[in-house]
PDB file of N, CA and C in Angstrom:
ATOM      1  N   MET A   1       9.587   3.980 -23.649  1.00  0.00           N
ATOM      2  CA  MET A   1       9.107   2.798 -22.951  1.00  0.00           C
ATOM      3  C   MET A   1       8.348   3.249 -21.697  1.00  0.00           C
ATOM      4  N   LYS A   2       7.186   2.690 -21.440  1.00  0.00           N
ATOM      5  CA  LYS A   2       6.368   3.034 -20.271  1.00  0.00           C
ATOM      6  C   LYS A   2       6.996   2.463 -19.004  1.00  0.00           C
ATOM      7  N   TRP A   3       6.759   3.153 -17.906  1.00  0.00           N
ATOM      8  CA  TRP A   3       7.310   2.750 -16.618  1.00  0.00           C
ATOM      9  C   TRP A   3       6.899   1.331 -16.248  1.00  0.00           C
ATOM     10  N   GLU A   4       5.657   0.959 -16.467  1.00  0.00           N
ATOM     11  CA  GLU A   4       5.195  -0.385 -16.120  1.00  0.00           C
ATOM     12  C   GLU A   4       5.990  -1.455 -16.866  1.00  0.00           C
ATOM     13  N   ASP A   5       6.352  -1.193 -18.102  1.00  0.00           N
ATOM     14  CA  ASP A   5       7.144  -2.154 -18.874  1.00  0.00           C
ATOM     15  C   ASP A   5       8.544  -2.308 -18.279  1.00  0.00           C
ATOM     16  N   ILE A   6       9.143  -1.191 -17.895  1.00  0.00           N
ATOM     17  CA  ILE A   6      10.476  -1.231 -17.282  1.00  0.00           C
ATOM     18  C   ILE A   6      10.403  -1.990 -15.960  1.00  0.00           C
ATOM     19  N   ARG A   7       9.434  -1.649 -15.161  1.00  0.00           N
ATOM     20  CA  ARG A   7       9.263  -2.290 -13.850  1.00  0.00           C
ATOM     21  C   ARG A   7       9.073  -3.803 -13.996  1.00  0.00           C
ATOM     22  N   ARG A   8       8.221  -4.194 -14.907  1.00  0.00           N
ATOM     23  CA  ARG A   8       7.956  -5.621 -15.134  1.00  0.00           C
ATOM     24  C   ARG A   8       9.244  -6.348 -15.516  1.00  0.00           C
ATOM     25  N   GLU A   9      10.041  -5.729 -16.369  1.00  0.00           N
ATOM     26  CA  GLU A   9      11.290  -6.343 -16.814  1.00  0.00           C
ATOM     27  C   GLU A   9      12.274  -6.491 -15.653  1.00  0.00           C
ATOM     28  N   TRP A  10      12.429  -5.439 -14.857  1.00  0.00           N
ATOM     29  CA  TRP A  10      13.365  -5.494 -13.733  1.00  0.00           C
ATOM     30  C   TRP A  10      12.957  -6.554 -12.718  1.00  0.00           C
ATOM     31  N   PHE A  11      11.691  -6.580 -12.355  1.00  0.00           N
ATOM     32  CA  PHE A  11      11.243  -7.491 -11.302  1.00  0.00           C
ATOM     33  C   PHE A  11      11.051  -8.925 -11.779  1.00  0.00           C
ATOM     34  N   ALA A  12      11.239  -9.166 -13.058  1.00  0.00           N
ATOM     35  CA  ALA A  12      11.217 -10.537 -13.553  1.00  0.00           C
ATOM     36  C   ALA A  12      12.448 -11.301 -13.064  1.00  0.00           C
ATOM     37  N   ASP A  13      13.496 -10.577 -12.724  1.00  0.00           N
ATOM     38  CA  ASP A  13      14.718 -11.179 -12.198  1.00  0.00           C
ATOM     39  C   ASP A  13      14.568 -11.353 -10.684  1.00  0.00           C
ATOM     40  N   PRO A  14      14.496 -12.608 -10.176  1.00  0.00           N
ATOM     41  CA  PRO A  14      14.284 -12.829  -8.744  1.00  0.00           C
ATOM     42  C   PRO A  14      15.402 -12.264  -7.868  1.00  0.00           C
ATOM     43  N   ASN A  15      16.630 -12.239  -8.360  1.00  0.00           N
ATOM     44  CA  ASN A  15      17.740 -11.667  -7.585  1.00  0.00           C
ATOM     45  C   ASN A  15      17.557 -10.161  -7.404  1.00  0.00           C
ATOM     46  N   PHE A  16      17.156  -9.500  -8.463  1.00  0.00           N
ATOM     47  CA  PHE A  16      16.900  -8.061  -8.375  1.00  0.00           C
ATOM     48  C   PHE A  16      15.763  -7.792  -7.393  1.00  0.00           C
ATOM     49  N   ALA A  17      14.671  -8.546  -7.514  1.00  0.00           N
ATOM     50  CA  ALA A  17      13.497  -8.340  -6.654  1.00  0.00           C
ATOM     51  C   ALA A  17      13.849  -8.539  -5.184  1.00  0.00           C
ATOM     52  N   ALA A  18      14.624  -9.580  -4.858  1.00  0.00           N
ATOM     53  CA  ALA A  18      14.996  -9.850  -3.468  1.00  0.00           C
ATOM     54  C   ALA A  18      15.896  -8.742  -2.905  1.00  0.00           C
ATOM     55  N   ALA A  19      16.864  -8.306  -3.686  1.00  0.00           N
ATOM     56  CA  ALA A  19      17.760  -7.230  -3.242  1.00  0.00           C
ATOM     57  C   ALA A  19      16.998  -5.923  -3.074  1.00  0.00           C
ATOM     58  N   PHE A  20      16.096  -5.668  -3.964  1.00  0.00           N
ATOM     59  CA  PHE A  20      15.314  -4.447  -3.893  1.00  0.00           C
ATOM     60  C   PHE A  20      14.445  -4.432  -2.644  1.00  0.00           C
ATOM     61  N   ASP A  21      13.786  -5.547  -2.346  1.00  0.00           N
ATOM     62  CA  ASP A  21      12.953  -5.656  -1.132  1.00  0.00           C
ATOM     63  C   ASP A  21      13.774  -5.406   0.131  1.00  0.00           C
ATOM     64  N   ARG A  22      14.979  -5.919   0.154  1.00  0.00           N
ATOM     65  CA  ARG A  22      15.841  -5.786   1.326  1.00  0.00           C
ATOM     66  C   ARG A  22      16.357  -4.356   1.498  1.00  0.00           C
ATOM     67  N   ASP A  23      16.783  -3.760   0.422  1.00  0.00           N
ATOM     68  CA  ASP A  23      17.449  -2.460   0.500  1.00  0.00           C
ATOM     69  C   ASP A  23      16.505  -1.255   0.446  1.00  0.00           C
ATOM     70  N   TYR A  24      15.321  -1.454  -0.053  1.00  0.00           N
ATOM     71  CA  TYR A  24      14.395  -0.335  -0.237  1.00  0.00           C
ATOM     72  C   TYR A  24      13.030  -0.681   0.370  1.00  0.00           C
ATOM     73  N   PRO A  25      12.882  -0.474   1.685  1.00  0.00           N
ATOM     74  CA  PRO A  25      11.653  -0.898   2.358  1.00  0.00           C
ATOM     75  C   PRO A  25      10.387  -0.186   1.871  1.00  0.00           C
ATOM     76  N   TYR A  26      10.517   0.980   1.287  1.00  0.00           N
ATOM     77  CA  TYR A  26       9.344   1.706   0.792  1.00  0.00           C
ATOM     78  C   TYR A  26       9.309   1.696  -0.729  1.00  0.00           C
ATOM     79  N   HIS A  27       9.834   0.626  -1.300  1.00  0.00           N
ATOM     80  CA  HIS A  27       9.997   0.591  -2.744  1.00  0.00           C
ATOM     81  C   HIS A  27       8.685   0.647  -3.508  1.00  0.00           C
ATOM     82  N   GLU A  28       7.630   0.044  -2.992  1.00  0.00           N
ATOM     83  CA  GLU A  28       6.366   0.089  -3.732  1.00  0.00           C
ATOM     84  C   GLU A  28       5.907   1.529  -3.915  1.00  0.00           C
ATOM     85  N   LEU A  29       5.987   2.295  -2.837  1.00  0.00           N
ATOM     86  CA  LEU A  29       5.608   3.702  -2.947  1.00  0.00           C
ATOM     87  C   LEU A  29       6.569   4.469  -3.846  1.00  0.00           C
ATOM     88  N   SER A  30       7.859   4.181  -3.730  1.00  0.00           N
ATOM     89  CA  SER A  30       8.829   4.893  -4.559  1.00  0.00           C
ATOM     90  C   SER A  30       8.598   4.591  -6.037  1.00  0.00           C
ATOM     91  N   LEU A  31       8.253   3.357  -6.342  1.00  0.00           N
ATOM     92  CA  LEU A  31       7.969   2.999  -7.731  1.00  0.00           C
ATOM     93  C   LEU A  31       6.708   3.685  -8.236  1.00  0.00           C
ATOM     94  N   GLU A  32       5.705   3.749  -7.387  1.00  0.00           N
ATOM     95  CA  GLU A  32       4.467   4.426  -7.778  1.00  0.00           C
ATOM     96  C   GLU A  32       4.720   5.909  -8.039  1.00  0.00           C
ATOM     97  N   ILE A  33       5.449   6.545  -7.135  1.00  0.00           N
ATOM     98  CA  ILE A  33       5.734   7.977  -7.287  1.00  0.00           C
ATOM     99  C   ILE A  33       6.604   8.215  -8.520  1.00  0.00           C
ATOM    100  N   GLY A  34       7.648   7.419  -8.668  1.00  0.00           N
ATOM    101  CA  GLY A  34       8.502   7.541  -9.856  1.00  0.00           C
ATOM    102  C   GLY A  34       7.737   7.260 -11.131  1.00  0.00           C
ATOM    103  N   GLY A  35       6.823   6.315 -11.066  1.00  0.00           N
ATOM    104  CA  GLY A  35       6.008   5.992 -12.235  1.00  0.00           C
ATOM    105  C   GLY A  35       5.085   7.128 -12.630  1.00  0.00           C
ATOM    106  N   LEU A  36       4.479   7.760 -11.624  1.00  0.00           N
ATOM    107  CA  LEU A  36       3.622   8.917 -11.924  1.00  0.00           C
ATOM    108  C   LEU A  36       4.431  10.014 -12.612  1.00  0.00           C
ATOM    109  N   ARG A  37       5.609  10.271 -12.059  1.00  0.00           N
ATOM    110  CA  ARG A  37       6.467  11.316 -12.630  1.00  0.00           C
ATOM    111  C   ARG A  37       6.910  10.950 -14.048  1.00  0.00           C
ATOM    112  N   ALA A  38       7.307   9.692 -14.238  1.00  0.00           N
ATOM    113  CA  ALA A  38       7.766   9.254 -15.560  1.00  0.00           C
ATOM    114  C   ALA A  38       6.640   9.327 -16.590  1.00  0.00           C
ATOM    115  N   ASP A  39       5.443   8.934 -16.171  1.00  0.00           N
ATOM    116  CA  ASP A  39       4.310   8.993 -17.098  1.00  0.00           C
ATOM    117  C   ASP A  39       3.983  10.433 -17.515  1.00  0.00           C
ATOM    118  N   LEU A  40       4.276  11.377 -16.628  1.00  0.00           N
ATOM    119  CA  LEU A  40       4.069  12.795 -16.959  1.00  0.00           C
ATOM    120  C   LEU A  40       5.266  13.388 -17.699  1.00  0.00           C
ATOM    121  N   ASP A  41       6.328  12.588 -17.842  1.00  0.00           N
ATOM    122  CA  ASP A  41       7.553  13.013 -18.532  1.00  0.00           C
ATOM    123  C   ASP A  41       8.102  14.296 -17.919  1.00  0.00           C
ATOM    124  N   MET A  42       8.222  14.271 -16.570  1.00  0.00           N
ATOM    125  CA  MET A  42       8.711  15.439 -15.841  1.00  0.00           C
ATOM    126  C   MET A  42      10.009  15.114 -15.130  1.00  0.00           C
ATOM    127  N   THR A  43      10.810  16.147 -14.919  1.00  0.00           N
ATOM    128  CA  THR A  43      11.982  16.002 -14.062  1.00  0.00           C
ATOM    129  C   THR A  43      11.500  16.023 -12.613  1.00  0.00           C
ATOM    130  N   GLN A  44      12.395  15.671 -11.698  1.00  0.00           N
ATOM    131  CA  GLN A  44      12.043  15.743 -10.285  1.00  0.00           C
ATOM    132  C   GLN A  44      11.705  17.177  -9.878  1.00  0.00           C
ATOM    133  N   THR A  45      12.415  18.131 -10.423  1.00  0.00           N
ATOM    134  CA  THR A  45      12.156  19.540 -10.115  1.00  0.00           C
ATOM    135  C   THR A  45      10.760  19.953 -10.589  1.00  0.00           C
ATOM    136  N   GLU A  46      10.425  19.582 -11.816  1.00  0.00           N
ATOM    137  CA  GLU A  46       9.104  19.907 -12.359  1.00  0.00           C
ATOM    138  C   GLU A  46       7.993  19.230 -11.555  1.00  0.00           C
ATOM    139  N   PHE A  47       8.233  17.983 -11.232  1.00  0.00           N
ATOM    140  CA  PHE A  47       7.232  17.222 -10.470  1.00  0.00           C
ATOM    141  C   PHE A  47       7.065  17.817  -9.074  1.00  0.00           C
ATOM    142  N   GLY A  48       8.173  18.201  -8.460  1.00  0.00           N
ATOM    143  CA  GLY A  48       8.115  18.841  -7.149  1.00  0.00           C
ATOM    144  C   GLY A  48       7.302  20.122  -7.191  1.00  0.00           C
ATOM    145  N   ARG A  49       7.502  20.923  -8.237  1.00  0.00           N
ATOM    146  CA  ARG A  49       6.726  22.164  -8.381  1.00  0.00           C
ATOM    147  C   ARG A  49       5.234  21.858  -8.510  1.00  0.00           C
ATOM    148  N   LEU A  50       4.925  20.834  -9.301  1.00  0.00           N
ATOM    149  CA  LEU A  50       3.527  20.433  -9.491  1.00  0.00           C
ATOM    150  C   LEU A  50       2.886  20.035  -8.162  1.00  0.00           C
ATOM    151  N   VAL A  51       3.625  19.268  -7.381  1.00  0.00           N
ATOM    152  CA  VAL A  51       3.123  18.759  -6.101  1.00  0.00           C
ATOM    153  C   VAL A  51       3.193  19.823  -5.005  1.00  0.00           C
ATOM    154  N   GLY A  52       4.141  20.745  -5.138  1.00  0.00           N
ATOM    155  CA  GLY A  52       4.322  21.780  -4.127  1.00  0.00           C
ATOM    156  C   GLY A  52       5.329  21.404  -3.062  1.00  0.00           C
ATOM    157  N   VAL A  53       6.335  20.622  -3.465  1.00  0.00           N
ATOM    158  CA  VAL A  53       7.416  20.227  -2.554  1.00  0.00           C
ATOM    159  C   VAL A  53       8.743  20.436  -3.280  1.00  0.00           C
ATOM    160  N   PRO A  54       9.840  20.531  -2.530  1.00  0.00           N
ATOM    161  CA  PRO A  54      11.153  20.684  -3.182  1.00  0.00           C
ATOM    162  C   PRO A  54      11.555  19.420  -3.954  1.00  0.00           C
ATOM    163  N   GLN A  55      12.453  19.610  -4.900  1.00  0.00           N
ATOM    164  CA  GLN A  55      12.997  18.476  -5.669  1.00  0.00           C
ATOM    165  C   GLN A  55      13.626  17.453  -4.737  1.00  0.00           C
ATOM    166  N   SER A  56      14.247  17.920  -3.677  1.00  0.00           N
ATOM    167  CA  SER A  56      14.917  16.997  -2.748  1.00  0.00           C
ATOM    168  C   SER A  56      13.920  16.042  -2.085  1.00  0.00           C
ATOM    169  N   THR A  57      12.710  16.504  -1.861  1.00  0.00           N
ATOM    170  CA  THR A  57      11.672  15.623  -1.300  1.00  0.00           C
ATOM    171  C   THR A  57      11.319  14.527  -2.292  1.00  0.00           C
ATOM    172  N   ILE A  58      11.158  14.900  -3.547  1.00  0.00           N
ATOM    173  CA  ILE A  58      10.851  13.909  -4.585  1.00  0.00           C
ATOM    174  C   ILE A  58      11.993  12.900  -4.691  1.00  0.00           C
ATOM    175  N   ALA A  59      13.227  13.369  -4.663  1.00  0.00           N
ATOM    176  CA  ALA A  59      14.385  12.468  -4.745  1.00  0.00           C
ATOM    177  C   ALA A  59      14.393  11.482  -3.581  1.00  0.00           C
ATOM    178  N   ARG A  60      14.123  11.975  -2.362  1.00  0.00           N
ATOM    179  CA  ARG A  60      14.104  11.075  -1.192  1.00  0.00           C
ATOM    180  C   ARG A  60      12.984  10.048  -1.306  1.00  0.00           C
ATOM    181  N   LEU A  61      11.825  10.492  -1.759  1.00  0.00           N
ATOM    182  CA  LEU A  61      10.702   9.561  -1.899  1.00  0.00           C
ATOM    183  C   LEU A  61      10.979   8.505  -2.965  1.00  0.00           C
ATOM    184  N   GLU A  62      11.579   8.920  -4.051  1.00  0.00           N
ATOM    185  CA  GLU A  62      11.885   7.978  -5.128  1.00  0.00           C
ATOM    186  C   GLU A  62      13.046   7.057  -4.778  1.00  0.00           C
ATOM    187  N   SER A  63      13.805   7.395  -3.750  1.00  0.00           N
ATOM    188  CA  SER A  63      14.913   6.521  -3.347  1.00  0.00           C
ATOM    189  C   SER A  63      14.407   5.233  -2.716  1.00  0.00           C
ATOM    190  N   GLY A  64      13.196   5.272  -2.180  1.00  0.00           N
ATOM    191  CA  GLY A  64      12.630   4.070  -1.566  1.00  0.00           C
ATOM    192  C   GLY A  64      13.122   3.808  -0.165  1.00  0.00           C
ATOM    193  N   THR A  65      13.864   4.726   0.405  1.00  0.00           N
ATOM    194  CA  THR A  65      14.393   4.523   1.755  1.00  0.00           C
ATOM    195  C   THR A  65      13.695   5.393   2.790  1.00  0.00           C
ATOM    196  N   GLN A  66      12.870   6.313   2.344  1.00  0.00           N
ATOM    197  CA  GLN A  66      12.171   7.210   3.267  1.00  0.00           C
ATOM    198  C   GLN A  66      10.670   7.028   3.113  1.00  0.00           C
ATOM    199  N   ALA A  67       9.985   6.926   4.238  1.00  0.00           N
ATOM    200  CA  ALA A  67       8.530   6.802   4.220  1.00  0.00           C
ATOM    201  C   ALA A  67       7.904   8.165   3.976  1.00  0.00           C
ATOM    202  N   PRO A  68       7.034   8.274   2.987  1.00  0.00           N
ATOM    203  CA  PRO A  68       6.359   9.546   2.772  1.00  0.00           C
ATOM    204  C   PRO A  68       5.248   9.738   3.796  1.00  0.00           C
ATOM    205  N   SER A  69       4.946  10.977   4.114  1.00  0.00           N
ATOM    206  CA  SER A  69       3.815  11.240   4.999  1.00  0.00           C
ATOM    207  C   SER A  69       2.527  11.077   4.199  1.00  0.00           C
ATOM    208  N   VAL A  70       1.453  10.834   4.901  1.00  0.00           N
ATOM    209  CA  VAL A  70       0.152  10.726   4.241  1.00  0.00           C
ATOM    210  C   VAL A  70      -0.188  12.061   3.584  1.00  0.00           C
ATOM    211  N   ALA A  71       0.153  13.151   4.239  1.00  0.00           N
ATOM    212  CA  ALA A  71      -0.115  14.474   3.664  1.00  0.00           C
ATOM    213  C   ALA A  71       0.586  14.647   2.317  1.00  0.00           C
ATOM    214  N   THR A  72       1.826  14.194   2.226  1.00  0.00           N
ATOM    215  CA  THR A  72       2.556  14.299   0.961  1.00  0.00           C
ATOM    216  C   THR A  72       1.935  13.395  -0.095  1.00  0.00           C
ATOM    217  N   LEU A  73       1.542  12.208   0.294  1.00  0.00           N
ATOM    218  CA  LEU A  73       0.881  11.303  -0.661  1.00  0.00           C
ATOM    219  C   LEU A  73      -0.416  11.922  -1.181  1.00  0.00           C
ATOM    220  N   LYS A  74      -1.160  12.587  -0.294  1.00  0.00           N
ATOM    221  CA  LYS A  74      -2.400  13.258  -0.719  1.00  0.00           C
ATOM    222  C   LYS A  74      -2.097  14.376  -1.717  1.00  0.00           C
ATOM    223  N   ARG A  75      -1.032  15.107  -1.475  1.00  0.00           N
ATOM    224  CA  ARG A  75      -0.640  16.190  -2.390  1.00  0.00           C
ATOM    225  C   ARG A  75      -0.274  15.627  -3.759  1.00  0.00           C
ATOM    226  N   ILE A  76       0.457  14.514  -3.765  1.00  0.00           N
ATOM    227  CA  ILE A  76       0.841  13.886  -5.029  1.00  0.00           C
ATOM    228  C   ILE A  76      -0.406  13.419  -5.773  1.00  0.00           C
ATOM    229  N   ALA A  77      -1.329  12.784  -5.055  1.00  0.00           N
ATOM    230  CA  ALA A  77      -2.555  12.297  -5.686  1.00  0.00           C
ATOM    231  C   ALA A  77      -3.360  13.450  -6.288  1.00  0.00           C
ATOM    232  N   LYS A  78      -3.502  14.513  -5.538  1.00  0.00           N
ATOM    233  CA  LYS A  78      -4.264  15.664  -6.026  1.00  0.00           C
ATOM    234  C   LYS A  78      -3.588  16.273  -7.250  1.00  0.00           C
ATOM    235  N   ALA A  79      -2.274  16.446  -7.186  1.00  0.00           N
ATOM    236  CA  ALA A  79      -1.526  17.068  -8.284  1.00  0.00           C
ATOM    237  C   ALA A  79      -1.556  16.233  -9.555  1.00  0.00           C
ATOM    238  N   THR A  80      -1.635  14.919  -9.412  1.00  0.00           N
ATOM    239  CA  THR A  80      -1.600  14.028 -10.578  1.00  0.00           C
ATOM    240  C   THR A  80      -2.978  13.504 -10.958  1.00  0.00           C
ATOM    241  N   ASP A  81      -4.014  14.018 -10.286  1.00  0.00           N
ATOM    242  CA  ASP A  81      -5.388  13.612 -10.557  1.00  0.00           C
ATOM    243  C   ASP A  81      -5.538  12.084 -10.457  1.00  0.00           C
ATOM    244  N   THR A  82      -4.969  11.542  -9.387  1.00  0.00           N
ATOM    245  CA  THR A  82      -5.081  10.108  -9.124  1.00  0.00           C
ATOM    246  C   THR A  82      -5.743   9.911  -7.766  1.00  0.00           C
ATOM    247  N   GLU A  83      -6.156   8.691  -7.516  1.00  0.00           N
ATOM    248  CA  GLU A  83      -6.798   8.347  -6.250  1.00  0.00           C
ATOM    249  C   GLU A  83      -5.781   7.699  -5.324  1.00  0.00           C
ATOM    250  N   LEU A  84      -5.701   8.191  -4.099  1.00  0.00           N
ATOM    251  CA  LEU A  84      -4.831   7.595  -3.088  1.00  0.00           C
ATOM    252  C   LEU A  84      -5.647   6.558  -2.333  1.00  0.00           C
ATOM    253  N   VAL A  85      -5.152   5.327  -2.304  1.00  0.00           N
ATOM    254  CA  VAL A  85      -5.828   4.240  -1.601  1.00  0.00           C
ATOM    255  C   VAL A  85      -4.839   3.651  -0.613  1.00  0.00           C
ATOM    256  N   ILE A  86      -5.197   3.688   0.661  1.00  0.00           N
ATOM    257  CA  ILE A  86      -4.366   3.097   1.704  1.00  0.00           C
ATOM    258  C   ILE A  86      -5.180   1.997   2.345  1.00  0.00           C
ATOM    259  N   GLU A  87      -4.604   0.813   2.464  1.00  0.00           N
ATOM    260  CA  GLU A  87      -5.367  -0.298   3.028  1.00  0.00           C
ATOM    261  C   GLU A  87      -4.463  -1.229   3.813  1.00  0.00           C
ATOM    262  N   PHE A  88      -5.090  -1.977   4.699  1.00  0.00           N
ATOM    263  CA  PHE A  88      -4.395  -3.017   5.432  1.00  0.00           C
ATOM    264  C   PHE A  88      -4.841  -4.353   4.873  1.00  0.00           C
ATOM    265  N   ARG A  89      -3.897  -5.240   4.694  1.00  0.00           N
ATOM    266  CA  ARG A  89      -4.210  -6.587   4.203  1.00  0.00           C
ATOM    267  C   ARG A  89      -3.566  -7.598   5.124  1.00  0.00           C
ATOM    268  N   HIS A  90      -4.234  -8.682   5.303  1.00  0.00           N
ATOM    269  CA  HIS A  90      -3.634  -9.773   6.063  1.00  0.00           C
ATOM    270  C   HIS A  90      -2.625 -10.468   5.166  1.00  0.00           C
ATOM    271  N   PRO A  91      -1.468 -10.799   5.719  1.00  0.00           N
ATOM    272  CA  PRO A  91      -0.490 -11.530   4.899  1.00  0.00           C
ATOM    273  C   PRO A  91      -1.056 -12.896   4.532  1.00  0.00           C
ATOM    274  N   LYS A  92      -0.582 -13.395   3.434  1.00  0.00           N
ATOM    275  CA  LYS A  92      -1.021 -14.735   3.042  1.00  0.00           C
ATOM    276  C   LYS A  92      -0.485 -15.717   4.065  1.00  0.00           C
ATOM    277  N   ARG A  93      -1.368 -16.472   4.625  1.00  0.00           N
ATOM    278  CA  ARG A  93      -0.949 -17.442   5.633  1.00  0.00           C
ATOM    279  C   ARG A  93      -1.836 -18.665   5.545  1.00  0.00           C
ATOM    280  N   LYS A  94      -1.300 -19.726   6.075  1.00  0.00           N
ATOM    281  CA  LYS A  94      -2.061 -20.971   6.074  1.00  0.00           C
ATOM    282  C   LYS A  94      -3.184 -20.865   7.083  1.00  0.00           C
ATOM    283  N   ARG A  95      -4.312 -21.377   6.698  1.00  0.00           N
ATOM    284  CA  ARG A  95      -5.441 -21.385   7.622  1.00  0.00           C
ATOM    285  C   ARG A  95      -5.287 -22.548   8.586  1.00  0.00           C
ATOM    286  N   ARG A  96      -5.566 -22.251   9.830  1.00  0.00           N
ATOM    287  CA  ARG A  96      -5.564 -23.320  10.814  1.00  0.00           C
ATOM    288  C   ARG A  96      -6.946 -23.936  10.860  1.00  0.00           C
ATOM    289  N   ALA A  97      -6.974 -25.225  11.104  1.00  0.00           N
ATOM    290  CA  ALA A  97      -8.259 -25.892  11.232  1.00  0.00           C
ATOM    291  C   ALA A  97      -8.962 -25.356  12.469  1.00  0.00           C
ATOM    292  N   LYS A  98     -10.272 -25.134  12.362  1.00  0.00           N
ATOM    293  CA  LYS A  98     -11.027 -24.657  13.504  1.00  0.00           C
ATOM    294  C   LYS A  98     -11.129 -25.779  14.525  1.00  0.00           C
ATOM    295  N   PRO A  99     -10.970 -25.444  15.801  1.00  0.00           N
ATOM    296  CA  PRO A  99     -11.104 -26.488  16.812  1.00  0.00           C
ATOM    297  C   PRO A  99     -12.537 -27.003  16.837  1.00  0.00           C
ATOM    298  N   GLN A 100     -12.653 -28.268  17.119  1.00  0.00           N
ATOM    299  CA  GLN A 100     -13.973 -28.886  17.200  1.00  0.00           C
ATOM    300  C   GLN A 100     -14.710 -28.337  18.415  1.00  0.00           C
ATOM    301  N   ALA A 101     -15.957 -27.970  18.223  1.00  0.00           N
ATOM    302  CA  ALA A 101     -16.759 -27.462  19.334  1.00  0.00           C
ATOM    303  C   ALA A 101     -17.142 -28.622  20.245  1.00  0.00           C
ATOM    304  N   THR A 102     -17.062 -28.357  21.524  1.00  0.00           N
ATOM    305  CA  THR A 102     -17.485 -29.382  22.487  1.00  0.00           C
ATOM    306  C   THR A 102     -18.989 -29.301  22.643  1.00  0.00           C
ATOM    307  N   ALA A 103     -19.566 -30.316  23.186  1.00  0.00           N
ATOM    308  CA  ALA A 103     -21.010 -30.341  23.402  1.00  0.00           C
ATOM    309  C   ALA A 103     -21.434 -29.178  24.288  1.00  0.00           C
ATOM    310  N   ALA A 104     -20.656 -28.859  25.337  1.00  0.00           N
ATOM    311  CA  ALA A 104     -21.001 -27.778  26.248  1.00  0.00           C
ATOM    312  C   ALA A 104     -20.954 -26.432  25.541  1.00  0.00           C
ATOM    313  N   SER A 105     -19.911 -26.195  24.709  1.00  0.00           N
ATOM    314  CA  SER A 105     -19.825 -24.896  24.036  1.00  0.00           C
ATOM    315  C   SER A 105     -20.918 -24.758  22.992  1.00  0.00           C
ATOM    316  N   SER A 106     -21.294 -25.846  22.328  1.00  0.00           N
ATOM    317  CA  SER A 106     -22.373 -25.791  21.354  1.00  0.00           C
ATOM    318  C   SER A 106     -23.684 -25.451  22.027  1.00  0.00           C
ATOM    319  N   ALA A 107     -23.913 -26.009  23.208  1.00  0.00           N
ATOM    320  CA  ALA A 107     -25.137 -25.713  23.944  1.00  0.00           C
ATOM    321  C   ALA A 107     -25.156 -24.255  24.377  1.00  0.00           C
ATOM    322  N   ASN A 108     -24.009 -23.728  24.823  1.00  0.00           N
ATOM    323  CA  ASN A 108     -23.937 -22.321  25.220  1.00  0.00           C
ATOM    324  C   ASN A 108     -24.202 -21.395  24.042  1.00  0.00           C
ATOM    325  N   GLU A 109     -23.674 -21.728  22.871  1.00  0.00           N
ATOM    326  CA  GLU A 109     -23.890 -20.904  21.687  1.00  0.00           C
ATOM    327  C   GLU A 109     -25.362 -20.869  21.312  1.00  0.00           C
ATOM    328  N   ARG A 110     -26.070 -21.983  21.469  1.00  0.00           N
ATOM    329  CA  ARG A 110     -27.488 -22.015  21.132  1.00  0.00           C
ATOM    330  C   ARG A 110     -28.304 -21.162  22.092  1.00  0.00           C
ATOM    331  N   ARG A 111     -27.847 -21.006  23.359  1.00  0.00           N
ATOM    332  CA  ARG A 111     -28.583 -20.235  24.347  1.00  0.00           C
ATOM    333  C   ARG A 111     -28.375 -18.739  24.211  1.00  0.00           C
ATOM    334  N   GLU A 112     -27.311 -18.315  23.509  1.00  0.00           N
ATOM    335  CA  GLU A 112     -27.061 -16.889  23.353  1.00  0.00           C
ATOM    336  C   GLU A 112     -28.131 -16.260  22.482  1.00  0.00           C
ATOM    337  N   LYS A 113     -28.587 -15.065  22.897  1.00  0.00           N
ATOM    338  CA  LYS A 113     -29.634 -14.368  22.153  1.00  0.00           C
ATOM    339  C   LYS A 113     -28.970 -13.406  21.167  1.00  0.00           C
ATOM    340  N   PRO A 114     -29.524 -13.269  19.964  1.00  0.00           N
ATOM    341  CA  PRO A 114     -28.975 -12.302  19.009  1.00  0.00           C
ATOM    342  C   PRO A 114     -29.280 -10.883  19.472  1.00  0.00           C
ATOM    343  N   LEU A 115     -28.532  -9.906  18.963  1.00  0.00           N
ATOM    344  CA  LEU A 115     -28.780  -8.512  19.273  1.00  0.00           C
ATOM    345  C   LEU A 115     -30.143  -8.114  18.762  1.00  0.00           C
ATOM    346  N   ALA A 116     -30.731  -7.119  19.393  1.00  0.00           N
ATOM    347  CA  ALA A 116     -32.042  -6.626  18.975  1.00  0.00           C
ATOM    348  C   ALA A 116     -31.971  -6.127  17.546  1.00  0.00           C
ATOM    349  N   ALA A 117     -33.058  -6.313  16.824  1.00  0.00           N
ATOM    350  CA  ALA A 117     -33.110  -5.915  15.422  1.00  0.00           C
ATOM    351  C   ALA A 117     -32.983  -4.410  15.260  1.00  0.00           C
ATOM    352  N   SER A 118     -33.263  -3.636  16.310  1.00  0.00           N
ATOM    353  CA  SER A 118     -33.177  -2.181  16.200  1.00  0.00           C
ATOM    354  C   SER A 118     -31.738  -1.709  16.094  1.00  0.00           C
ATOM    355  N   GLY A 119     -30.782  -2.590  16.431  1.00  0.00           N
ATOM    356  CA  GLY A 119     -29.379  -2.214  16.370  1.00  0.00           C
ATOM    357  C   GLY A 119     -28.908  -1.537  17.649  1.00  0.00           C
ATOM    358  N   ARG A 120     -29.828  -1.359  18.626  1.00  0.00           N
ATOM    359  CA  ARG A 120     -29.443  -0.739  19.872  1.00  0.00           C
ATOM    360  C   ARG A 120     -28.698  -1.737  20.735  1.00  0.00           C
ATOM    361  N   ASP A 121     -27.900  -1.229  21.599  1.00  0.00           N
ATOM    362  CA  ASP A 121     -27.072  -2.061  22.464  1.00  0.00           C
ATOM    363  C   ASP A 121     -27.555  -2.028  23.897  1.00  0.00           C
ATOM    364  N   ASP A 122     -28.878  -1.959  24.124  1.00  0.00           N
ATOM    365  CA  ASP A 122     -29.357  -1.810  25.487  1.00  0.00           C
ATOM    366  C   ASP A 122     -29.800  -3.092  26.004  1.00  0.00           C
TER     367      ASP A 122
END
């Protein structure tokens, strides 16, 4: 059975998902790392050798309780021929209505000059 299938089955249970989120703050990364290893059908020791870290490091990362360093994530990506993508996202939140512009602020906005087309800031 592929790791994605197992993961999908486990997280279909809302109680499991809530407990996992609470107890394993780095679970997304731990699942990704464990998934890479499982897809390669390697033990933690074998995977550690591939990545160039001890088995104990792989075990800690897969536990979901320890934050991996970016350097370690880069090593894992290189060893598994995968792309490491790190990004910031805004949480889903309700949009607030924009305040209505007053006549004075609208007039001020019209008087502001755009930046020069050259892109210079002088």
